[in-house]
Protein backbone atom coordinates (compact mmCIF):
# COMPACT_ATOMS: atom_id res chain seq x y z
CA MET A 1 3.59 17.51 38.08
CA ILE A 2 6.75 15.56 39.38
CA ALA A 3 4.92 14.03 42.54
CA PRO A 4 2.46 12.14 40.60
CA LEU A 5 5.06 10.83 38.20
CA PHE A 6 7.27 9.77 41.07
CA GLY A 7 4.28 8.00 42.77
CA PHE A 8 3.43 6.36 39.36
CA THR A 9 7.13 5.16 38.96
CA ILE A 10 7.18 3.61 42.64
CA PHE A 11 3.93 1.86 41.75
CA LEU A 12 5.28 0.36 38.54
CA ARG A 13 8.63 -0.72 40.35
CA ARG A 14 6.45 -2.60 42.92
CA ARG A 15 4.29 -4.14 40.32
CA ILE A 16 7.39 -5.24 38.24
CA ARG A 17 8.67 -6.89 41.32
CA LYS A 18 5.35 -8.95 41.83
CA THR A 19 5.02 -9.76 38.18
CA CYS A 20 5.60 -13.52 37.15
CA LEU A 21 6.09 -14.96 33.97
CA THR A 22 5.48 -18.53 33.05
CA VAL A 23 7.43 -19.94 30.21
CA SER A 24 7.28 -23.68 29.44
CA GLY A 25 6.35 -24.51 33.10
CA LEU A 26 9.10 -22.49 34.54
CA GLN A 27 8.14 -19.57 36.72
CA ALA A 28 10.47 -16.73 37.02
CA SER A 29 9.98 -13.36 38.75
CA ILE A 30 11.00 -10.08 37.05
CA GLY A 31 13.07 -8.26 39.53
CA ASP A 32 14.04 -4.60 39.93
CA PRO A 33 16.93 -3.88 37.50
CA LEU A 34 18.54 -1.61 40.40
CA ASP A 35 18.16 -4.35 43.03
CA ARG A 36 21.44 -5.86 43.54
CA ALA A 37 20.01 -8.98 45.25
CA SER A 38 18.78 -9.89 41.67
CA GLU A 39 22.28 -10.16 40.12
CA GLY A 40 23.73 -13.48 38.85
CA PRO A 41 22.91 -16.15 36.47
CA ILE A 42 19.52 -16.55 37.60
CA ALA A 43 18.67 -12.83 37.05
CA MET A 44 20.12 -12.97 33.67
CA GLN A 45 17.96 -15.85 32.82
CA ARG A 46 14.79 -13.75 33.88
CA TYR A 47 15.73 -10.90 31.63
CA LEU A 48 16.45 -13.22 28.61
CA VAL A 49 13.03 -14.69 29.20
CA VAL A 50 11.60 -11.16 28.50
CA ILE A 51 14.29 -9.78 26.04
CA ILE A 52 14.31 -12.58 23.51
CA PRO A 53 10.67 -12.64 22.81
CA VAL A 54 10.64 -9.02 22.35
CA PHE A 55 13.65 -9.10 20.05
CA LEU A 56 12.20 -12.01 17.98
CA THR A 57 8.80 -9.90 17.54
CA LEU A 58 10.69 -6.90 16.47
CA ALA A 59 12.88 -8.92 14.12
CA SER A 60 9.95 -10.61 12.42
CA ASN A 61 8.05 -7.42 11.50
CA THR A 62 10.31 -7.21 8.05
CA ALA A 63 8.53 -10.64 7.31
CA SER A 64 4.76 -9.49 7.98
CA ALA A 65 2.42 -10.14 5.35
CA GLN A 66 1.28 -7.32 3.05
CA THR A 67 -0.86 -7.17 -0.01
CA VAL A 68 1.20 -7.88 -3.13
CA ARG A 69 0.40 -5.47 -5.87
CA LEU A 70 0.63 -6.18 -9.66
CA ASP A 71 3.49 -3.97 -10.15
CA GLN A 72 5.49 -5.61 -7.36
CA TYR A 73 4.76 -9.00 -8.56
CA GLN A 74 5.79 -8.11 -12.15
CA HIS A 75 8.93 -6.23 -11.13
CA PRO A 76 10.31 -7.36 -7.75
CA SER A 77 12.80 -5.00 -6.23
CA GLU A 78 14.99 -7.89 -5.27
CA PRO A 79 15.40 -11.40 -6.76
CA LYS A 80 14.24 -13.06 -3.32
CA PHE A 81 10.72 -11.43 -3.36
CA LYS A 82 9.96 -13.18 -6.74
CA ASP A 83 9.69 -16.44 -4.60
CA PHE A 84 7.67 -14.84 -1.76
CA TYR A 85 5.43 -13.23 -4.46
CA LYS A 86 4.96 -16.70 -5.94
CA LEU A 87 4.01 -18.30 -2.58
CA TYR A 88 1.55 -15.22 -2.06
CA LEU A 89 0.00 -15.99 -5.43
CA ALA A 90 -0.34 -19.66 -4.49
CA GLY A 91 -2.01 -18.74 -1.28
CA VAL A 92 -4.49 -16.29 -3.21
CA ARG A 93 -5.27 -19.13 -5.64
CA ASP A 94 -6.03 -21.60 -3.10
CA GLY A 95 -8.19 -19.26 -1.17
CA LEU A 96 -10.26 -18.27 -4.24
CA ILE A 97 -10.49 -21.92 -5.21
CA ALA A 98 -11.60 -22.98 -1.73
CA TYR A 99 -14.15 -20.20 -1.41
CA SER A 100 -15.61 -20.93 -4.91
CA VAL A 101 -16.03 -24.60 -3.97
CA ARG A 102 -17.70 -23.49 -0.85
CA GLN A 103 -20.24 -21.23 -2.77
CA ASP A 104 -23.59 -22.71 -4.18
CA ALA A 105 -23.18 -23.60 -7.94
CA LYS A 106 -25.31 -20.78 -9.08
CA ASP A 107 -23.17 -18.16 -7.08
CA ARG A 108 -19.84 -19.32 -8.35
CA LEU A 109 -17.62 -16.89 -10.24
CA PHE A 110 -15.59 -19.48 -12.03
CA CYS A 111 -15.79 -23.36 -12.23
CA ILE A 112 -12.54 -25.13 -12.56
CA PRO A 113 -13.07 -28.58 -14.01
CA PRO A 114 -13.06 -31.28 -11.15
CA LYS A 115 -10.05 -33.27 -12.29
CA MET A 116 -8.01 -30.24 -13.31
CA VAL A 117 -5.13 -29.08 -10.81
CA LEU A 118 -4.31 -25.36 -11.22
CA THR A 119 -0.66 -24.83 -10.84
CA THR A 120 1.03 -21.44 -9.56
CA GLU A 121 2.47 -21.10 -13.05
CA GLN A 122 -0.96 -21.39 -14.70
CA ALA A 123 -2.43 -19.14 -12.25
CA GLU A 124 0.29 -16.64 -12.81
CA ASP A 125 -0.22 -16.74 -16.60
CA ILE A 126 -4.02 -16.20 -16.35
CA MET A 127 -3.48 -13.30 -13.89
CA LEU A 128 -1.07 -11.51 -16.04
CA ARG A 129 -2.96 -12.06 -19.37
CA PHE A 130 -6.19 -10.69 -17.68
CA ALA A 131 -4.34 -7.68 -16.28
CA GLU A 132 -2.81 -6.96 -19.73
CA LYS A 133 -6.09 -7.47 -21.52
CA LYS A 134 -7.80 -5.29 -19.21
CA GLN A 135 -4.84 -2.64 -18.97
CA LEU A 136 -5.06 -2.91 -15.10
CA LEU A 137 -3.01 -0.45 -13.04
CA GLY A 138 0.00 -1.66 -11.35
CA ASN A 139 -1.19 -0.81 -7.85
CA ILE A 140 -4.14 -3.41 -7.90
CA PRO A 141 -3.79 -6.29 -5.53
CA ILE A 142 -2.87 -9.46 -7.62
CA GLY A 143 -5.94 -11.44 -6.46
CA VAL A 144 -8.26 -9.11 -8.41
CA PRO A 145 -6.75 -9.98 -11.83
CA LEU A 146 -6.45 -13.55 -10.75
CA LEU A 147 -10.37 -13.70 -9.90
CA GLY A 148 -11.15 -11.89 -13.23
CA GLY A 149 -8.88 -14.06 -15.13
CA LEU A 150 -10.26 -17.42 -13.57
CA ALA A 151 -13.86 -16.10 -14.16
CA GLU A 152 -12.89 -15.55 -17.78
CA THR A 153 -10.93 -18.79 -18.43
CA PHE A 154 -13.41 -21.15 -16.37
CA PRO A 155 -16.97 -19.67 -16.71
CA CYS A 156 -19.51 -21.59 -15.08
CA ASP A 157 -22.43 -20.91 -17.56
CA GLU A 158 -20.72 -23.01 -20.30
CA ARG A 159 -20.66 -26.33 -18.47
């Protein structure tokens, strides 16, 4: 069992020595960390070329997009999340409007008047009123009550 692992380790070390990264037109070889010839400022730059993107990727996981639920929106765990949730609502609003405009007139779920601009505050009010009226659960994504509220507030068949 040890012999195959040892062989695989040697294979990987050789492969790492031959690997090249191209970053903004610079080409840097990644050397063996135990190789004394790769010590110095150039070697440090080579490792930073790899370490910095990995660190930034790991650090950005906390800001990854997730579905915002109605309960989260109404009761944010921290004050800063309220702003993030409003941005999320604005994106959902814009997405629903863009999708609606793209549909044929007979297939639209809601029809906002052509000269009306729907603000995020108006969308929030429409969403929360619909959720309260229908007594929706807190674990539902905020796009569902927003869509229902828009359909109720701006019906197409009354035009």
